[in-house]
Amino acid sequence: MKAVFETGGKQYYVSENDVIYVEKLPNEAGSEITFTDVLAVGNKIGTPYVSGAKVVCLVEKHGKNKKIKVFKYRPKKKYRKTQGHRQPYTKLVVKKIINA
């Protein structure tokens, strides 16, 4: 079964046993998290959410993505600024999709 759920301001299209990377969540590694903001399950589409539907995930680990470089430059003004950024993430494994 497939589902679309929402977390961190983004939507994820998943099926059972999928591994996804989402915005960092406050849950500890090894714990389970349940998402109730489910937009669609199978052929069922909610307005805006499907009532009673849940996506149960296992928090596998937390980490940071690769570093990206941000470079700002203004021509003819002697302005240059280099900055780095590593976005934190949470790795989830989808265990169950519950359709109510």
C-alpha atoms as a PDB file:
ATOM      1  CA  MET A   1       0.000   0.000   0.000  1.00  0.00           C
ATOM      2  CA  LYS A   2       1.200   3.525  -0.776  1.00  0.00           C
ATOM      3  CA  ALA A   3       0.590   6.742   1.129  1.00  0.00           C
ATOM      4  CA  VAL A   4       1.352  10.454   0.993  1.00  0.00           C
ATOM      5  CA  PHE A   5       2.033  12.137   4.325  1.00  0.00           C
ATOM      6  CA  GLU A   6       3.260  15.512   5.468  1.00  0.00           C
ATOM      7  CA  THR A   7       6.083  16.452   7.851  1.00  0.00           C
ATOM      8  CA  GLY A   8       8.430  19.398   8.072  1.00  0.00           C
ATOM      9  CA  GLY A   9       6.425  21.353   5.504  1.00  0.00           C
ATOM     10  CA  LYS A  10       7.071  18.712   2.825  1.00  0.00           C
ATOM     11  CA  GLN A  11       5.078  15.785   1.439  1.00  0.00           C
ATOM     12  CA  TYR A  12       6.480  12.262   1.075  1.00  0.00           C
ATOM     13  CA  TYR A  13       5.154   9.445  -1.139  1.00  0.00           C
ATOM     14  CA  VAL A  14       6.006   6.152   0.586  1.00  0.00           C
ATOM     15  CA  SER A  15       5.219   2.473   0.762  1.00  0.00           C
ATOM     16  CA  GLU A  16       6.057  -0.023   3.524  1.00  0.00           C
ATOM     17  CA  ASN A  17       9.781  -0.705   4.201  1.00  0.00           C
ATOM     18  CA  ASP A  18      10.863   2.495   2.395  1.00  0.00           C
ATOM     19  CA  VAL A  19      13.796   4.484   3.785  1.00  0.00           C
ATOM     20  CA  ILE A  20      13.332   8.261   3.699  1.00  0.00           C
ATOM     21  CA  TYR A  21      15.242  11.295   4.933  1.00  0.00           C
ATOM     22  CA  VAL A  22      13.120  14.074   6.480  1.00  0.00           C
ATOM     23  CA  GLU A  23      13.768  17.343   8.314  1.00  0.00           C
ATOM     24  CA  LYS A  24      15.214  16.719  11.767  1.00  0.00           C
ATOM     25  CA  LEU A  25      12.669  15.426  14.312  1.00  0.00           C
ATOM     26  CA  PRO A  26      12.981  15.578  18.134  1.00  0.00           C
ATOM     27  CA  ASN A  27      12.476  11.802  18.604  1.00  0.00           C
ATOM     28  CA  GLU A  28      15.380   9.598  19.706  1.00  0.00           C
ATOM     29  CA  ALA A  29      16.979   6.974  17.474  1.00  0.00           C
ATOM     30  CA  GLY A  30      15.301   3.578  17.862  1.00  0.00           C
ATOM     31  CA  SER A  31      11.888   4.993  18.754  1.00  0.00           C
ATOM     32  CA  GLU A  32       8.703   4.852  16.710  1.00  0.00           C
ATOM     33  CA  ILE A  33       6.871   7.900  15.398  1.00  0.00           C
ATOM     34  CA  THR A  34       3.316   8.055  14.027  1.00  0.00           C
ATOM     35  CA  PHE A  35       2.286  10.583  11.402  1.00  0.00           C
ATOM     36  CA  THR A  36      -1.431  11.400  11.270  1.00  0.00           C
ATOM     37  CA  ASP A  37      -1.239  14.138   8.605  1.00  0.00           C
ATOM     38  CA  VAL A  38      -1.898  11.649   5.787  1.00  0.00           C
ATOM     39  CA  LEU A  39      -3.038  13.220   2.519  1.00  0.00           C
ATOM     40  CA  ALA A  40      -3.726  10.003   0.579  1.00  0.00           C
ATOM     41  CA  VAL A  41      -3.770   6.249   1.213  1.00  0.00           C
ATOM     42  CA  GLY A  42      -4.096   3.919  -1.770  1.00  0.00           C
ATOM     43  CA  ASN A  43      -7.014   5.329  -3.792  1.00  0.00           C
ATOM     44  CA  LYS A  44      -8.425   7.314  -0.863  1.00  0.00           C
ATOM     45  CA  ILE A  45      -7.764  11.074  -1.033  1.00  0.00           C
ATOM     46  CA  GLY A  46      -8.531  13.324   1.923  1.00  0.00           C
ATOM     47  CA  THR A  47      -9.770  16.900   2.103  1.00  0.00           C
ATOM     48  CA  PRO A  48      -7.153  17.854   3.318  1.00  0.00           C
ATOM     49  CA  TYR A  49      -6.325  14.751   5.415  1.00  0.00           C
ATOM     50  CA  VAL A  50      -7.652  11.174   5.429  1.00  0.00           C
ATOM     51  CA  SER A  51      -9.371  10.660   8.789  1.00  0.00           C
ATOM     52  CA  GLY A  52      -8.041   7.730  10.807  1.00  0.00           C
ATOM     53  CA  ALA A  53      -5.107   7.016   8.494  1.00  0.00           C
ATOM     54  CA  LYS A  54      -1.610   6.755   9.984  1.00  0.00           C
ATOM     55  CA  VAL A  55       1.951   6.138   8.852  1.00  0.00           C
ATOM     56  CA  VAL A  56       4.132   4.443  11.484  1.00  0.00           C
ATOM     57  CA  CYS A  57       7.900   4.906  11.087  1.00  0.00           C
ATOM     58  CA  LEU A  58      11.007   3.833  12.973  1.00  0.00           C
ATOM     59  CA  VAL A  59      13.615   6.525  13.656  1.00  0.00           C
ATOM     60  CA  GLU A  60      16.872   4.934  12.522  1.00  0.00           C
ATOM     61  CA  LYS A  61      19.367   7.773  13.028  1.00  0.00           C
ATOM     62  CA  HIS A  62      20.031  11.504  12.964  1.00  0.00           C
ATOM     63  CA  GLY A  63      22.750  13.159  10.918  1.00  0.00           C
ATOM     64  CA  LYS A  64      23.828  16.021   8.697  1.00  0.00           C
ATOM     65  CA  ASN A  65      23.924  16.205   4.892  1.00  0.00           C
ATOM     66  CA  LYS A  66      27.043  17.058   2.921  1.00  0.00           C
ATOM     67  CA  LYS A  67      28.295  20.607   3.228  1.00  0.00           C
ATOM     68  CA  ILE A  68      27.172  23.083   0.597  1.00  0.00           C
ATOM     69  CA  LYS A  69      28.982  26.335  -0.065  1.00  0.00           C
ATOM     70  CA  VAL A  70      27.074  29.593  -0.269  1.00  0.00           C
ATOM     71  CA  PHE A  71      29.001  32.298  -2.131  1.00  0.00           C
ATOM     72  CA  LYS A  72      27.740  35.867  -2.364  1.00  0.00           C
ATOM     73  CA  TYR A  73      29.386  38.301  -4.744  1.00  0.00           C
ATOM     74  CA  ARG A  74      28.738  41.869  -5.866  1.00  0.00           C
ATOM     75  CA  PRO A  75      30.695  42.927  -8.916  1.00  0.00           C
ATOM     76  CA  LYS A  76      32.741  46.144  -8.731  1.00  0.00           C
ATOM     77  CA  LYS A  77      31.973  46.569  -5.004  1.00  0.00           C
ATOM     78  CA  LYS A  78      34.781  44.437  -3.445  1.00  0.00           C
ATOM     79  CA  TYR A  79      32.156  42.301  -1.686  1.00  0.00           C
ATOM     80  CA  ARG A  80      32.665  38.555  -1.376  1.00  0.00           C
ATOM     81  CA  LYS A  81      31.237  36.285   1.291  1.00  0.00           C
ATOM     82  CA  THR A  82      31.639  32.504   1.556  1.00  0.00           C
ATOM     83  CA  GLN A  83      29.553  30.459   3.946  1.00  0.00           C
ATOM     84  CA  GLY A  84      29.001  26.731   4.524  1.00  0.00           C
ATOM     85  CA  HIS A  85      25.833  24.896   5.588  1.00  0.00           C
ATOM     86  CA  ARG A  86      25.007  21.328   6.620  1.00  0.00           C
ATOM     87  CA  GLN A  87      21.296  20.565   6.884  1.00  0.00           C
ATOM     88  CA  PRO A  88      20.332  18.192   9.735  1.00  0.00           C
ATOM     89  CA  TYR A  89      18.099  15.223   8.870  1.00  0.00           C
ATOM     90  CA  THR A  90      16.375  12.203  10.393  1.00  0.00           C
ATOM     91  CA  LYS A  91      16.484   8.827   8.649  1.00  0.00           C
ATOM     92  CA  LEU A  92      13.143   6.974   8.868  1.00  0.00           C
ATOM     93  CA  VAL A  93      12.059   3.447   7.924  1.00  0.00           C
ATOM     94  CA  VAL A  94       8.337   3.118   7.133  1.00  0.00           C
ATOM     95  CA  LYS A  95       6.955   0.172   9.133  1.00  0.00           C
ATOM     96  CA  LYS A  96       3.176   0.296   8.660  1.00  0.00           C
ATOM     97  CA  ILE A  97       0.568   2.230   6.726  1.00  0.00           C
ATOM     98  CA  ILE A  98      -2.777   2.078   8.535  1.00  0.00           C
ATOM     99  CA  ASN A  99      -5.888   2.800   6.485  1.00  0.00           C
ATOM    100  CA  ALA A 100      -8.963   3.417   8.602  1.00  0.00           C
END
